[in-house]
PDB file of N, CA and C in Angstrom:
ATOM      1  N   UNK A   1      86.659 103.641 124.952  1.00  0.00           N
ATOM      2  CA  UNK A   1      86.984 104.674 123.986  1.00  0.00           C
ATOM      3  C   UNK A   1      86.519 104.201 122.606  1.00  0.00           C
ATOM      4  N   UNK A   2      86.001 105.130 121.851  1.00  0.00           N
ATOM      5  CA  UNK A   2      85.567 104.825 120.491  1.00  0.00           C
ATOM      6  C   UNK A   2      86.468 105.539 119.497  1.00  0.00           C
ATOM      7  N   UNK A   3      86.932 104.781 118.521  1.00  0.00           N
ATOM      8  CA  UNK A   3      87.782 105.316 117.463  1.00  0.00           C
ATOM      9  C   UNK A   3      87.153 105.015 116.116  1.00  0.00           C
ATOM     10  N   UNK A   4      87.532 105.738 115.077  1.00  0.00           N
ATOM     11  CA  UNK A   4      86.963 105.492 113.745  1.00  0.00           C
ATOM     12  C   UNK A   4      87.310 104.093 113.242  1.00  0.00           C
ATOM     13  N   UNK A   5      86.323 103.433 112.642  1.00  0.00           N
ATOM     14  CA  UNK A   5      86.529 102.088 112.110  1.00  0.00           C
ATOM     15  C   UNK A   5      87.610 102.072 111.033  1.00  0.00           C
ATOM     16  N   UNK A   6      87.742 103.162 110.308  1.00  0.00           N
ATOM     17  CA  UNK A   6      88.776 103.238 109.275  1.00  0.00           C
ATOM     18  C   UNK A   6      90.163 103.086 109.897  1.00  0.00           C
ATOM     19  N   UNK A   7      90.331 103.556 111.135  1.00  0.00           N
ATOM     20  CA  UNK A   7      91.598 103.406 111.832  1.00  0.00           C
ATOM     21  C   UNK A   7      91.871 101.928 112.107  1.00  0.00           C
ATOM     22  N   UNK A   8      90.839 101.198 112.463  1.00  0.00           N
ATOM     23  CA  UNK A   8      90.996  99.765 112.728  1.00  0.00           C
ATOM     24  C   UNK A   8      91.452  99.039 111.468  1.00  0.00           C
ATOM     25  N   UNK A   9      90.786  99.330 110.359  1.00  0.00           N
ATOM     26  CA  UNK A   9      91.143  98.688 109.098  1.00  0.00           C
ATOM     27  C   UNK A   9      92.590  98.989 108.719  1.00  0.00           C
ATOM     28  N   UNK A  10      93.008 100.229 108.905  1.00  0.00           N
ATOM     29  CA  UNK A  10      94.380 100.614 108.586  1.00  0.00           C
ATOM     30  C   UNK A  10      95.378  99.901 109.490  1.00  0.00           C
ATOM     31  N   UNK A  11      95.059  99.794 110.771  1.00  0.00           N
ATOM     32  CA  UNK A  11      95.949  99.091 111.696  1.00  0.00           C
ATOM     33  C   UNK A  11      96.113  97.631 111.302  1.00  0.00           C
ATOM     34  N   UNK A  12      95.009  96.972 110.979  1.00  0.00           N
ATOM     35  CA  UNK A  12      95.063  95.562 110.575  1.00  0.00           C
ATOM     36  C   UNK A  12      95.944  95.404 109.338  1.00  0.00           C
ATOM     37  N   UNK A  13      95.742  96.264 108.342  1.00  0.00           N
ATOM     38  CA  UNK A  13      96.535  96.194 107.108  1.00  0.00           C
ATOM     39  C   UNK A  13      98.017  96.438 107.379  1.00  0.00           C
ATOM     40  N   UNK A  14      98.325  97.465 108.167  1.00  0.00           N
ATOM     41  CA  UNK A  14      99.722  97.787 108.472  1.00  0.00           C
ATOM     42  C   UNK A  14     100.406  96.654 109.230  1.00  0.00           C
ATOM     43  N   UNK A  15      99.704  96.067 110.166  1.00  0.00           N
ATOM     44  CA  UNK A  15     100.287  94.967 110.947  1.00  0.00           C
ATOM     45  C   UNK A  15     100.503  93.752 110.056  1.00  0.00           C
ATOM     46  N   UNK A  16      99.536  93.453 109.190  1.00  0.00           N
ATOM     47  CA  UNK A  16      99.714  92.334 108.261  1.00  0.00           C
ATOM     48  C   UNK A  16     100.952  92.539 107.384  1.00  0.00           C
ATOM     49  N   UNK A  17     101.136  93.752 106.888  1.00  0.00           N
ATOM     50  CA  UNK A  17     102.319  94.051 106.069  1.00  0.00           C
ATOM     51  C   UNK A  17     103.602  93.912 106.887  1.00  0.00           C
ATOM     52  N   UNK A  18     103.580  94.389 108.111  1.00  0.00           N
ATOM     53  CA  UNK A  18     104.729  94.276 109.004  1.00  0.00           C
ATOM     54  C   UNK A  18     105.073  92.802 109.239  1.00  0.00           C
ATOM     55  N   UNK A  19     104.058  91.988 109.473  1.00  0.00           N
ATOM     56  CA  UNK A  19     104.284  90.569 109.769  1.00  0.00           C
ATOM     57  C   UNK A  19     104.835  89.803 108.568  1.00  0.00           C
ATOM     58  N   UNK A  20     104.488  90.229 107.368  1.00  0.00           N
ATOM     59  CA  UNK A  20     104.980  89.562 106.164  1.00  0.00           C
ATOM     60  C   UNK A  20     106.495  89.670 106.036  1.00  0.00           C
ATOM     61  N   UNK A  21     107.070  90.667 106.661  1.00  0.00           N
ATOM     62  CA  UNK A  21     108.521  90.869 106.579  1.00  0.00           C
ATOM     63  C   UNK A  21     109.286  89.907 107.496  1.00  0.00           C
ATOM     64  N   UNK A  22     108.564  89.179 108.346  1.00  0.00           N
ATOM     65  CA  UNK A  22     109.218  88.300 109.312  1.00  0.00           C
ATOM     66  C   UNK A  22     108.936  86.834 109.018  1.00  0.00           C
ATOM     67  N   UNK A  23     109.972  86.039 109.146  1.00  0.00           N
ATOM     68  CA  UNK A  23     109.823  84.590 109.091  1.00  0.00           C
ATOM     69  C   UNK A  23     110.946  84.004 109.930  1.00  0.00           C
ATOM     70  N   UNK A  24     110.713  83.437 111.040  1.00  0.00           N
ATOM     71  CA  UNK A  24     109.421  83.246 111.712  1.00  0.00           C
ATOM     72  C   UNK A  24     108.851  84.561 112.250  1.00  0.00           C
ATOM     73  N   UNK A  25     107.821  84.422 113.067  1.00  0.00           N
ATOM     74  CA  UNK A  25     107.132  85.600 113.592  1.00  0.00           C
ATOM     75  C   UNK A  25     108.083  86.495 114.385  1.00  0.00           C
ATOM     76  N   UNK A  26     107.774  87.807 114.431  1.00  0.00           N
ATOM     77  CA  UNK A  26     108.611  88.732 115.198  1.00  0.00           C
ATOM     78  C   UNK A  26     108.475  88.464 116.701  1.00  0.00           C
ATOM     79  N   UNK A  27     109.379  89.041 117.446  1.00  0.00           N
ATOM     80  CA  UNK A  27     109.281  88.975 118.899  1.00  0.00           C
ATOM     81  C   UNK A  27     108.070  89.804 119.337  1.00  0.00           C
ATOM     82  N   UNK A  28     107.387  89.391 120.404  1.00  0.00           N
ATOM     83  CA  UNK A  28     106.247  90.176 120.892  1.00  0.00           C
ATOM     84  C   UNK A  28     106.597  91.642 121.141  1.00  0.00           C
ATOM     85  N   UNK A  29     107.817  91.900 121.618  1.00  0.00           N
ATOM     86  CA  UNK A  29     108.244  93.276 121.875  1.00  0.00           C
ATOM     87  C   UNK A  29     108.252  94.103 120.587  1.00  0.00           C
ATOM     88  N   UNK A  30     108.756  93.524 119.496  1.00  0.00           N
ATOM     89  CA  UNK A  30     108.797  94.229 118.211  1.00  0.00           C
ATOM     90  C   UNK A  30     107.392  94.543 117.724  1.00  0.00           C
ATOM     91  N   UNK A  31     106.518  93.549 117.809  1.00  0.00           N
ATOM     92  CA  UNK A  31     105.152  93.729 117.324  1.00  0.00           C
ATOM     93  C   UNK A  31     104.389  94.731 118.182  1.00  0.00           C
ATOM     94  N   UNK A  32     104.542  94.647 119.486  1.00  0.00           N
ATOM     95  CA  UNK A  32     103.864  95.586 120.382  1.00  0.00           C
ATOM     96  C   UNK A  32     104.338  97.012 120.115  1.00  0.00           C
ATOM     97  N   UNK A  33     105.635  97.183 119.934  1.00  0.00           N
ATOM     98  CA  UNK A  33     106.174  98.517 119.615  1.00  0.00           C
ATOM     99  C   UNK A  33     105.587  99.042 118.310  1.00  0.00           C
ATOM    100  N   UNK A  34     105.541  98.194 117.306  1.00  0.00           N
ATOM    101  CA  UNK A  34     104.992  98.608 116.012  1.00  0.00           C
ATOM    102  C   UNK A  34     103.527  98.999 116.150  1.00  0.00           C
ATOM    103  N   UNK A  35     102.757  98.196 116.853  1.00  0.00           N
ATOM    104  CA  UNK A  35     101.332  98.484 117.042  1.00  0.00           C
ATOM    105  C   UNK A  35     101.133  99.829 117.734  1.00  0.00           C
ATOM    106  N   UNK A  36     101.858 100.067 118.801  1.00  0.00           N
ATOM    107  CA  UNK A  36     101.699 101.320 119.542  1.00  0.00           C
ATOM    108  C   UNK A  36     102.111 102.511 118.678  1.00  0.00           C
ATOM    109  N   UNK A  37     103.201 102.368 117.922  1.00  0.00           N
ATOM    110  CA  UNK A  37     103.630 103.451 117.032  1.00  0.00           C
ATOM    111  C   UNK A  37     102.561 103.753 115.987  1.00  0.00           C
ATOM    112  N   UNK A  38     102.004 102.714 115.374  1.00  0.00           N
ATOM    113  CA  UNK A  38     100.968 102.913 114.360  1.00  0.00           C
ATOM    114  C   UNK A  38      99.710 103.521 114.972  1.00  0.00           C
ATOM    115  N   UNK A  39      99.340 103.045 116.129  1.00  0.00           N
ATOM    116  CA  UNK A  39      98.162 103.568 116.819  1.00  0.00           C
ATOM    117  C   UNK A  39      98.323 105.055 117.106  1.00  0.00           C
ATOM    118  N   UNK A  40      99.491 105.440 117.612  1.00  0.00           N
ATOM    119  CA  UNK A  40      99.751 106.852 117.887  1.00  0.00           C
ATOM    120  C   UNK A  40      99.737 107.681 116.606  1.00  0.00           C
ATOM    121  N   UNK A  41     100.307 107.136 115.553  1.00  0.00           N
ATOM    122  CA  UNK A  41     100.356 107.844 114.275  1.00  0.00           C
ATOM    123  C   UNK A  41      98.944 108.084 113.728  1.00  0.00           C
ATOM    124  N   UNK A  42      98.118 107.039 113.723  1.00  0.00           N
ATOM    125  CA  UNK A  42      96.743 107.198 113.226  1.00  0.00           C
ATOM    126  C   UNK A  42      95.929 108.119 114.124  1.00  0.00           C
ATOM    127  N   UNK A  43      96.147 108.036 115.416  1.00  0.00           N
ATOM    128  CA  UNK A  43      95.426 108.911 116.344  1.00  0.00           C
ATOM    129  C   UNK A  43      95.794 110.368 116.088  1.00  0.00           C
ATOM    130  N   UNK A  44      97.085 110.630 115.891  1.00  0.00           N
ATOM    131  CA  UNK A  44      97.519 111.998 115.599  1.00  0.00           C
ATOM    132  C   UNK A  44      96.853 112.530 114.334  1.00  0.00           C
ATOM    133  N   UNK A  45      96.776 111.677 113.316  1.00  0.00           N
ATOM    134  CA  UNK A  45      96.158 112.117 112.058  1.00  0.00           C
ATOM    135  C   UNK A  45      94.658 112.357 112.214  1.00  0.00           C
ATOM    136  N   UNK A  46      94.056 111.744 113.237  1.00  0.00           N
ATOM    137  CA  UNK A  46      92.630 111.953 113.503  1.00  0.00           C
ATOM    138  C   UNK A  46      92.398 113.072 114.520  1.00  0.00           C
ATOM    139  N   UNK A  47      93.495 113.663 114.987  1.00  0.00           N
ATOM    140  CA  UNK A  47      93.377 114.747 115.962  1.00  0.00           C
ATOM    141  C   UNK A  47      93.137 114.269 117.380  1.00  0.00           C
ATOM    142  N   UNK A  48      93.515 113.039 117.673  1.00  0.00           N
ATOM    143  CA  UNK A  48      93.325 112.471 119.009  1.00  0.00           C
ATOM    144  C   UNK A  48      94.660 112.528 119.741  1.00  0.00           C
ATOM    145  N   UNK A  49      94.681 113.255 120.848  1.00  0.00           N
ATOM    146  CA  UNK A  49      95.906 113.403 121.627  1.00  0.00           C
ATOM    147  C   UNK A  49      95.975 112.360 122.739  1.00  0.00           C
ATOM    148  N   UNK A  50      97.188 111.998 123.110  1.00  0.00           N
ATOM    149  CA  UNK A  50      97.444 111.133 124.268  1.00  0.00           C
ATOM    150  C   UNK A  50      96.632 109.840 124.250  1.00  0.00           C
ATOM    151  N   UNK A  51      96.614 109.173 123.101  1.00  0.00           N
ATOM    152  CA  UNK A  51      95.791 107.975 122.988  1.00  0.00           C
ATOM    153  C   UNK A  51      96.276 106.845 123.897  1.00  0.00           C
ATOM    154  N   UNK A  52      97.583 106.666 123.999  1.00  0.00           N
ATOM    155  CA  UNK A  52      98.091 105.548 124.810  1.00  0.00           C
ATOM    156  C   UNK A  52      97.739 105.734 126.288  1.00  0.00           C
ATOM    157  N   UNK A  53      98.018 106.893 126.899  1.00  0.00           N
ATOM    158  CA  UNK A  53      97.618 107.061 128.302  1.00  0.00           C
ATOM    159  C   UNK A  53      96.102 106.908 128.503  1.00  0.00           C
ATOM    160  N   UNK A  54      95.332 107.378 127.542  1.00  0.00           N
ATOM    161  CA  UNK A  54      93.876 107.258 127.640  1.00  0.00           C
ATOM    162  C   UNK A  54      93.452 105.797 127.612  1.00  0.00           C
ATOM    163  N   UNK A  55      94.036 105.019 126.689  1.00  0.00           N
ATOM    164  CA  UNK A  55      93.698 103.596 126.606  1.00  0.00           C
ATOM    165  C   UNK A  55      94.146 102.846 127.863  1.00  0.00           C
ATOM    166  N   UNK A  56      95.305 103.216 128.387  1.00  0.00           N
ATOM    167  CA  UNK A  56      95.787 102.571 129.619  1.00  0.00           C
ATOM    168  C   UNK A  56      94.834 102.846 130.775  1.00  0.00           C
ATOM    169  N   UNK A  57      94.340 104.072 130.843  1.00  0.00           N
ATOM    170  CA  UNK A  57      93.417 104.449 131.912  1.00  0.00           C
ATOM    171  C   UNK A  57      92.074 103.746 131.748  1.00  0.00           C
ATOM    172  N   UNK A  58      91.532 103.759 130.543  1.00  0.00           N
ATOM    173  CA  UNK A  58      90.229 103.149 130.311  1.00  0.00           C
ATOM    174  C   UNK A  58      90.273 101.633 130.461  1.00  0.00           C
ATOM    175  N   UNK A  59      91.415 101.032 130.112  1.00  0.00           N
ATOM    176  CA  UNK A  59      91.563  99.593 130.266  1.00  0.00           C
ATOM    177  C   UNK A  59      91.967  99.186 131.672  1.00  0.00           C
ATOM    178  N   UNK A  60      92.181 100.195 132.530  1.00  0.00           N
ATOM    179  CA  UNK A  60      92.602  99.969 133.914  1.00  0.00           C
ATOM    180  C   UNK A  60      93.790  99.007 133.969  1.00  0.00           C
ATOM    181  N   UNK A  61      94.789  99.293 133.125  1.00  0.00           N
ATOM    182  CA  UNK A  61      95.956  98.426 133.025  1.00  0.00           C
ATOM    183  C   UNK A  61      96.883  98.633 134.218  1.00  0.00           C
ATOM    184  N   UNK A  62      97.437  97.537 134.704  1.00  0.00           N
ATOM    185  CA  UNK A  62      98.360  97.599 135.837  1.00  0.00           C
ATOM    186  C   UNK A  62      99.771  97.978 135.382  1.00  0.00           C
ATOM    187  N   UNK A  63     100.094  97.680 134.122  1.00  0.00           N
ATOM    188  CA  UNK A  63     101.381  98.053 133.553  1.00  0.00           C
ATOM    189  C   UNK A  63     101.100  98.869 132.293  1.00  0.00           C
ATOM    190  N   UNK A  64     102.143  99.313 131.622  1.00  0.00           N
ATOM    191  CA  UNK A  64     101.949 100.110 130.416  1.00  0.00           C
ATOM    192  C   UNK A  64     101.269  99.270 129.332  1.00  0.00           C
ATOM    193  N   UNK A  65     100.679  99.946 128.381  1.00  0.00           N
ATOM    194  CA  UNK A  65     100.033  99.261 127.258  1.00  0.00           C
ATOM    195  C   UNK A  65     101.048  98.390 126.538  1.00  0.00           C
ATOM    196  N   UNK A  66     102.224  98.914 126.325  1.00  0.00           N
ATOM    197  CA  UNK A  66     103.282  98.182 125.630  1.00  0.00           C
ATOM    198  C   UNK A  66     103.622  96.880 126.371  1.00  0.00           C
ATOM    199  N   UNK A  67     103.843  96.974 127.665  1.00  0.00           N
ATOM    200  CA  UNK A  67     104.169  95.790 128.464  1.00  0.00           C
ATOM    201  C   UNK A  67     103.021  94.790 128.490  1.00  0.00           C
ATOM    202  N   UNK A  68     101.796  95.290 128.581  1.00  0.00           N
ATOM    203  CA  UNK A  68     100.622  94.418 128.620  1.00  0.00           C
ATOM    204  C   UNK A  68     100.474  93.665 127.298  1.00  0.00           C
ATOM    205  N   UNK A  69     100.659  94.365 126.181  1.00  0.00           N
ATOM    206  CA  UNK A  69     100.579  93.713 124.868  1.00  0.00           C
ATOM    207  C   UNK A  69     101.647  92.634 124.735  1.00  0.00           C
ATOM    208  N   UNK A  70     102.881  92.969 125.106  1.00  0.00           N
ATOM    209  CA  UNK A  70     103.976  92.001 125.032  1.00  0.00           C
ATOM    210  C   UNK A  70     103.656  90.759 125.858  1.00  0.00           C
ATOM    211  N   UNK A  71     103.213  90.991 127.070  1.00  0.00           N
ATOM    212  CA  UNK A  71     102.907  89.894 127.981  1.00  0.00           C
ATOM    213  C   UNK A  71     101.797  88.998 127.433  1.00  0.00           C
ATOM    214  N   UNK A  72     100.743  89.614 126.929  1.00  0.00           N
ATOM    215  CA  UNK A  72      99.611  88.849 126.394  1.00  0.00           C
ATOM    216  C   UNK A  72     100.022  88.017 125.183  1.00  0.00           C
ATOM    217  N   UNK A  73     100.838  88.593 124.313  1.00  0.00           N
ATOM    218  CA  UNK A  73     101.275  87.870 123.114  1.00  0.00           C
ATOM    219  C   UNK A  73     102.193  86.706 123.478  1.00  0.00           C
ATOM    220  N   UNK A  74     103.116  86.945 124.392  1.00  0.00           N
ATOM    221  CA  UNK A  74     104.096  85.905 124.715  1.00  0.00           C
ATOM    222  C   UNK A  74     103.532  84.813 125.616  1.00  0.00           C
ATOM    223  N   UNK A  75     102.520  85.118 126.408  1.00  0.00           N
ATOM    224  CA  UNK A  75     101.982  84.128 127.342  1.00  0.00           C
ATOM    225  C   UNK A  75     100.897  83.248 126.728  1.00  0.00           C
ATOM    226  N   UNK A  76     100.409  83.602 125.565  1.00  0.00           N
ATOM    227  CA  UNK A  76      99.332  82.842 124.929  1.00  0.00           C
ATOM    228  C   UNK A  76      99.914  81.995 123.804  1.00  0.00           C
ATOM    229  N   UNK A  77     100.008  80.685 124.043  1.00  0.00           N
ATOM    230  CA  UNK A  77     100.570  79.776 123.037  1.00  0.00           C
ATOM    231  C   UNK A  77      99.731  79.705 121.766  1.00  0.00           C
ATOM    232  N   UNK A  78      98.453  80.031 121.872  1.00  0.00           N
ATOM    233  CA  UNK A  78      97.555  79.937 120.717  1.00  0.00           C
ATOM    234  C   UNK A  78      97.431  81.265 119.967  1.00  0.00           C
ATOM    235  N   UNK A  79      98.182  82.279 120.400  1.00  0.00           N
ATOM    236  CA  UNK A  79      98.114  83.583 119.752  1.00  0.00           C
ATOM    237  C   UNK A  79      98.602  83.477 118.314  1.00  0.00           C
ATOM    238  N   UNK A  80      97.789  83.974 117.393  1.00  0.00           N
ATOM    239  CA  UNK A  80      98.151  83.959 115.975  1.00  0.00           C
ATOM    240  C   UNK A  80      98.657  85.340 115.583  1.00  0.00           C
ATOM    241  N   UNK A  81      99.774  85.351 114.912  1.00  0.00           N
ATOM    242  CA  UNK A  81     100.360  86.613 114.485  1.00  0.00           C
ATOM    243  C   UNK A  81      99.718  87.068 113.180  1.00  0.00           C
ATOM    244  N   UNK A  82      98.554  87.701 113.325  1.00  0.00           N
ATOM    245  CA  UNK A  82      97.856  88.317 112.199  1.00  0.00           C
ATOM    246  C   UNK A  82      97.402  89.705 112.631  1.00  0.00           C
ATOM    247  N   UNK A  83      97.172  90.561 111.669  1.00  0.00           N
ATOM    248  CA  UNK A  83      96.688  91.898 111.986  1.00  0.00           C
ATOM    249  C   UNK A  83      95.382  91.859 112.751  1.00  0.00           C
ATOM    250  N   UNK A  84      94.483  90.997 112.333  1.00  0.00           N
ATOM    251  CA  UNK A  84      93.177  90.878 112.985  1.00  0.00           C
ATOM    252  C   UNK A  84      93.329  90.445 114.443  1.00  0.00           C
ATOM    253  N   UNK A  85      94.170  89.465 114.686  1.00  0.00           N
ATOM    254  CA  UNK A  85      94.373  88.957 116.040  1.00  0.00           C
ATOM    255  C   UNK A  85      95.009  90.012 116.946  1.00  0.00           C
ATOM    256  N   UNK A  86      95.978  90.737 116.420  1.00  0.00           N
ATOM    257  CA  UNK A  86      96.668  91.767 117.199  1.00  0.00           C
ATOM    258  C   UNK A  86      95.705  92.900 117.565  1.00  0.00           C
ATOM    259  N   UNK A  87      94.907  93.349 116.605  1.00  0.00           N
ATOM    260  CA  UNK A  87      93.966  94.431 116.876  1.00  0.00           C
ATOM    261  C   UNK A  87      92.859  93.941 117.817  1.00  0.00           C
ATOM    262  N   UNK A  88      92.444  92.700 117.684  1.00  0.00           N
ATOM    263  CA  UNK A  88      91.452  92.142 118.606  1.00  0.00           C
ATOM    264  C   UNK A  88      91.993  92.104 120.033  1.00  0.00           C
ATOM    265  N   UNK A  89      93.261  91.788 120.175  1.00  0.00           N
ATOM    266  CA  UNK A  89      93.900  91.800 121.495  1.00  0.00           C
ATOM    267  C   UNK A  89      93.867  93.214 122.075  1.00  0.00           C
ATOM    268  N   UNK A  90      94.207  94.190 121.275  1.00  0.00           N
ATOM    269  CA  UNK A  90      94.163  95.584 121.711  1.00  0.00           C
ATOM    270  C   UNK A  90      92.743  95.956 122.171  1.00  0.00           C
ATOM    271  N   UNK A  91      91.745  95.528 121.422  1.00  0.00           N
ATOM    272  CA  UNK A  91      90.350  95.816 121.776  1.00  0.00           C
ATOM    273  C   UNK A  91      89.999  95.218 123.134  1.00  0.00           C
ATOM    274  N   UNK A  92      90.377  93.957 123.334  1.00  0.00           N
ATOM    275  CA  UNK A  92      90.052  93.281 124.599  1.00  0.00           C
ATOM    276  C   UNK A  92      90.753  93.934 125.781  1.00  0.00           C
ATOM    277  N   UNK A  93      92.017  94.259 125.612  1.00  0.00           N
ATOM    278  CA  UNK A  93      92.796  94.836 126.704  1.00  0.00           C
ATOM    279  C   UNK A  93      92.255  96.198 127.126  1.00  0.00           C
ATOM    280  N   UNK A  94      91.895  97.016 126.163  1.00  0.00           N
ATOM    281  CA  UNK A  94      91.534  98.410 126.435  1.00  0.00           C
ATOM    282  C   UNK A  94      90.038  98.693 126.395  1.00  0.00           C
ATOM    283  N   UNK A  95      89.218  97.702 126.072  1.00  0.00           N
ATOM    284  CA  UNK A  95      87.788  97.958 125.937  1.00  0.00           C
ATOM    285  C   UNK A  95      87.496  98.901 124.786  1.00  0.00           C
ATOM    286  N   UNK A  96      88.295  98.771 123.744  1.00  0.00           N
ATOM    287  CA  UNK A  96      88.236  99.665 122.598  1.00  0.00           C
ATOM    288  C   UNK A  96      87.066  99.304 121.686  1.00  0.00           C
ATOM    289  N   UNK A  97      86.371 100.323 121.214  1.00  0.00           N
ATOM    290  CA  UNK A  97      85.274 100.140 120.269  1.00  0.00           C
ATOM    291  C   UNK A  97      85.536 101.010 119.053  1.00  0.00           C
ATOM    292  N   UNK A  98      84.913 100.634 117.959  1.00  0.00           N
ATOM    293  CA  UNK A  98      85.111 101.355 116.696  1.00  0.00           C
ATOM    294  C   UNK A  98      83.780 101.892 116.221  1.00  0.00           C
ATOM    295  N   UNK A  99      83.800 103.085 115.682  1.00  0.00           N
ATOM    296  CA  UNK A  99      82.579 103.673 115.142  1.00  0.00           C
ATOM    297  C   UNK A  99      82.793 103.973 113.670  1.00  0.00           C
ATOM    298  N   UNK A 100      81.733 103.851 112.932  1.00  0.00           N
ATOM    299  CA  UNK A 100      81.760 104.152 111.507  1.00  0.00           C
ATOM    300  C   UNK A 100      80.902 105.386 111.296  1.00  0.00           C
ATOM    301  N   UNK A 101      81.319 106.267 110.430  1.00  0.00           N
ATOM    302  CA  UNK A 101      80.543 107.491 110.168  1.00  0.00           C
ATOM    303  C   UNK A 101      79.126 107.141 109.764  1.00  0.00           C
ATOM    304  N   UNK A 102      78.966 106.071 108.978  1.00  0.00           N
ATOM    305  CA  UNK A 102      77.625 105.644 108.570  1.00  0.00           C
ATOM    306  C   UNK A 102      76.812 105.201 109.783  1.00  0.00           C
ATOM    307  N   UNK A 103      77.456 104.501 110.727  1.00  0.00           N
ATOM    308  CA  UNK A 103      76.765 104.076 111.939  1.00  0.00           C
ATOM    309  C   UNK A 103      76.288 105.282 112.733  1.00  0.00           C
ATOM    310  N   UNK A 104      77.138 106.312 112.826  1.00  0.00           N
ATOM    311  CA  UNK A 104      76.764 107.507 113.572  1.00  0.00           C
ATOM    312  C   UNK A 104      75.572 108.183 112.918  1.00  0.00           C
ATOM    313  N   UNK A 105      75.561 108.240 111.583  1.00  0.00           N
ATOM    314  CA  UNK A 105      74.432 108.831 110.873  1.00  0.00           C
ATOM    315  C   UNK A 105      73.169 108.025 111.145  1.00  0.00           C
ATOM    316  N   UNK A 106      73.282 106.684 111.113  1.00  0.00           N
ATOM    317  CA  UNK A 106      72.123 105.832 111.376  1.00  0.00           C
ATOM    318  C   UNK A 106      71.634 106.018 112.803  1.00  0.00           C
ATOM    319  N   UNK A 107      72.577 106.126 113.758  1.00  0.00           N
ATOM    320  CA  UNK A 107      72.190 106.338 115.144  1.00  0.00           C
ATOM    321  C   UNK A 107      71.430 107.641 115.303  1.00  0.00           C
ATOM    322  N   UNK A 108      71.908 108.693 114.639  1.00  0.00           N
ATOM    323  CA  UNK A 108      71.218 109.979 114.713  1.00  0.00           C
ATOM    324  C   UNK A 108      69.821 109.866 114.110  1.00  0.00           C
ATOM    325  N   UNK A 109      69.704 109.165 112.975  1.00  0.00           N
ATOM    326  CA  UNK A 109      68.399 108.987 112.345  1.00  0.00           C
ATOM    327  C   UNK A 109      67.478 108.185 113.255  1.00  0.00           C
ATOM    328  N   UNK A 110      68.011 107.134 113.894  1.00  0.00           N
ATOM    329  CA  UNK A 110      67.208 106.339 114.817  1.00  0.00           C
ATOM    330  C   UNK A 110      66.725 107.196 115.980  1.00  0.00           C
ATOM    331  N   UNK A 111      67.606 108.041 116.521  1.00  0.00           N
ATOM    332  CA  UNK A 111      67.224 108.924 117.615  1.00  0.00           C
ATOM    333  C   UNK A 111      66.129 109.878 117.164  1.00  0.00           C
ATOM    334  N   UNK A 112      66.261 110.420 115.951  1.00  0.00           N
ATOM    335  CA  UNK A 112      65.245 111.333 115.432  1.00  0.00           C
ATOM    336  C   UNK A 112      63.921 110.599 115.258  1.00  0.00           C
ATOM    337  N   UNK A 113      63.968 109.362 114.749  1.00  0.00           N
ATOM    338  CA  UNK A 113      62.750 108.567 114.593  1.00  0.00           C
ATOM    339  C   UNK A 113      62.097 108.322 115.947  1.00  0.00           C
ATOM    340  N   UNK A 114      62.905 108.022 116.968  1.00  0.00           N
ATOM    341  CA  UNK A 114      62.383 107.796 118.309  1.00  0.00           C
ATOM    342  C   UNK A 114      61.712 109.053 118.844  1.00  0.00           C
ATOM    343  N   UNK A 115      62.334 110.217 118.616  1.00  0.00           N
ATOM    344  CA  UNK A 115      61.763 111.479 119.057  1.00  0.00           C
ATOM    345  C   UNK A 115      60.425 111.733 118.374  1.00  0.00           C
ATOM    346  N   UNK A 116      60.346 111.448 117.082  1.00  0.00           N
ATOM    347  CA  UNK A 116      59.101 111.642 116.345  1.00  0.00           C
ATOM    348  C   UNK A 116      58.022 110.706 116.878  1.00  0.00           C
ATOM    349  N   UNK A 117      58.370 109.448 117.166  1.00  0.00           N
ATOM    350  CA  UNK A 117      57.401 108.495 117.712  1.00  0.00           C
ATOM    351  C   UNK A 117      56.870 108.974 119.053  1.00  0.00           C
ATOM    352  N   UNK A 118      57.756 109.492 119.912  1.00  0.00           N
ATOM    353  CA  UNK A 118      57.339 109.988 121.218  1.00  0.00           C
ATOM    354  C   UNK A 118      56.390 111.166 121.052  1.00  0.00           C
ATOM    355  N   UNK A 119      56.675 112.077 120.104  1.00  0.00           N
ATOM    356  CA  UNK A 119      55.815 113.229 119.877  1.00  0.00           C
ATOM    357  C   UNK A 119      54.441 112.780 119.404  1.00  0.00           C
ATOM    358  N   UNK A 120      54.403 111.784 118.508  1.00  0.00           N
ATOM    359  CA  UNK A 120      53.127 111.276 118.008  1.00  0.00           C
ATOM    360  C   UNK A 120      52.314 110.660 119.140  1.00  0.00           C
ATOM    361  N   UNK A 121      52.980 109.894 120.034  1.00  0.00           N
ATOM    362  CA  UNK A 121      52.290 109.272 121.166  1.00  0.00           C
ATOM    363  C   UNK A 121      51.715 110.341 122.105  1.00  0.00           C
ATOM    364  N   UNK A 122      52.488 111.410 122.333  1.00  0.00           N
ATOM    365  CA  UNK A 122      52.004 112.483 123.198  1.00  0.00           C
ATOM    366  C   UNK A 122      50.804 113.173 122.577  1.00  0.00           C
ATOM    367  N   UNK A 123      50.804 113.380 121.264  1.00  0.00           N
ATOM    368  CA  UNK A 123      49.675 114.011 120.594  1.00  0.00           C
ATOM    369  C   UNK A 123      48.441 113.137 120.697  1.00  0.00           C
ATOM    370  N   UNK A 124      48.619 111.815 120.558  1.00  0.00           N
ATOM    371  CA  UNK A 124      47.488 110.896 120.655  1.00  0.00           C
ATOM    372  C   UNK A 124      46.887 110.905 122.047  1.00  0.00           C
ATOM    373  N   UNK A 125      47.751 111.028 123.070  1.00  0.00           N
ATOM    374  CA  UNK A 125      47.275 111.055 124.449  1.00  0.00           C
ATOM    375  C   UNK A 125      46.458 112.302 124.723  1.00  0.00           C
ATOM    376  N   UNK A 126      46.761 113.389 124.033  1.00  0.00           N
ATOM    377  CA  UNK A 126      46.052 114.648 124.258  1.00  0.00           C
ATOM    378  C   UNK A 126      44.617 114.567 123.774  1.00  0.00           C
ATOM    379  N   UNK A 127      44.328 113.632 122.857  1.00  0.00           N
ATOM    380  CA  UNK A 127      42.975 113.549 122.321  1.00  0.00           C
ATOM    381  C   UNK A 127      42.132 112.730 123.169  1.00  0.00           C
TER     382      UNK A 127
END
């Protein structure tokens, strides 16, 4: 699944702010709940419905996203409680990718350039 890169940046910032309120680190359950709530909130604002079930399906998860996140955080002794690390975990679990509007524009331009090159090659072959 591809989501807007701006959503990723917002998630990282929100998680970092959430983590600052805890000393020591929060329980994996608290952090996983917060992440899923924020993800759903940002998805709703982007007009994306049922993001959690979709991510669970695409990630071919055996348990719920919430349970999988909790398990991954608690079972990894080297897990760092940072926004970047938490969002990276989400990406790995669900095969999540991020797109930037500028990237999409560049991709469209690249496709158009490729189409023009193909047309030029076909014209040359006709001669």
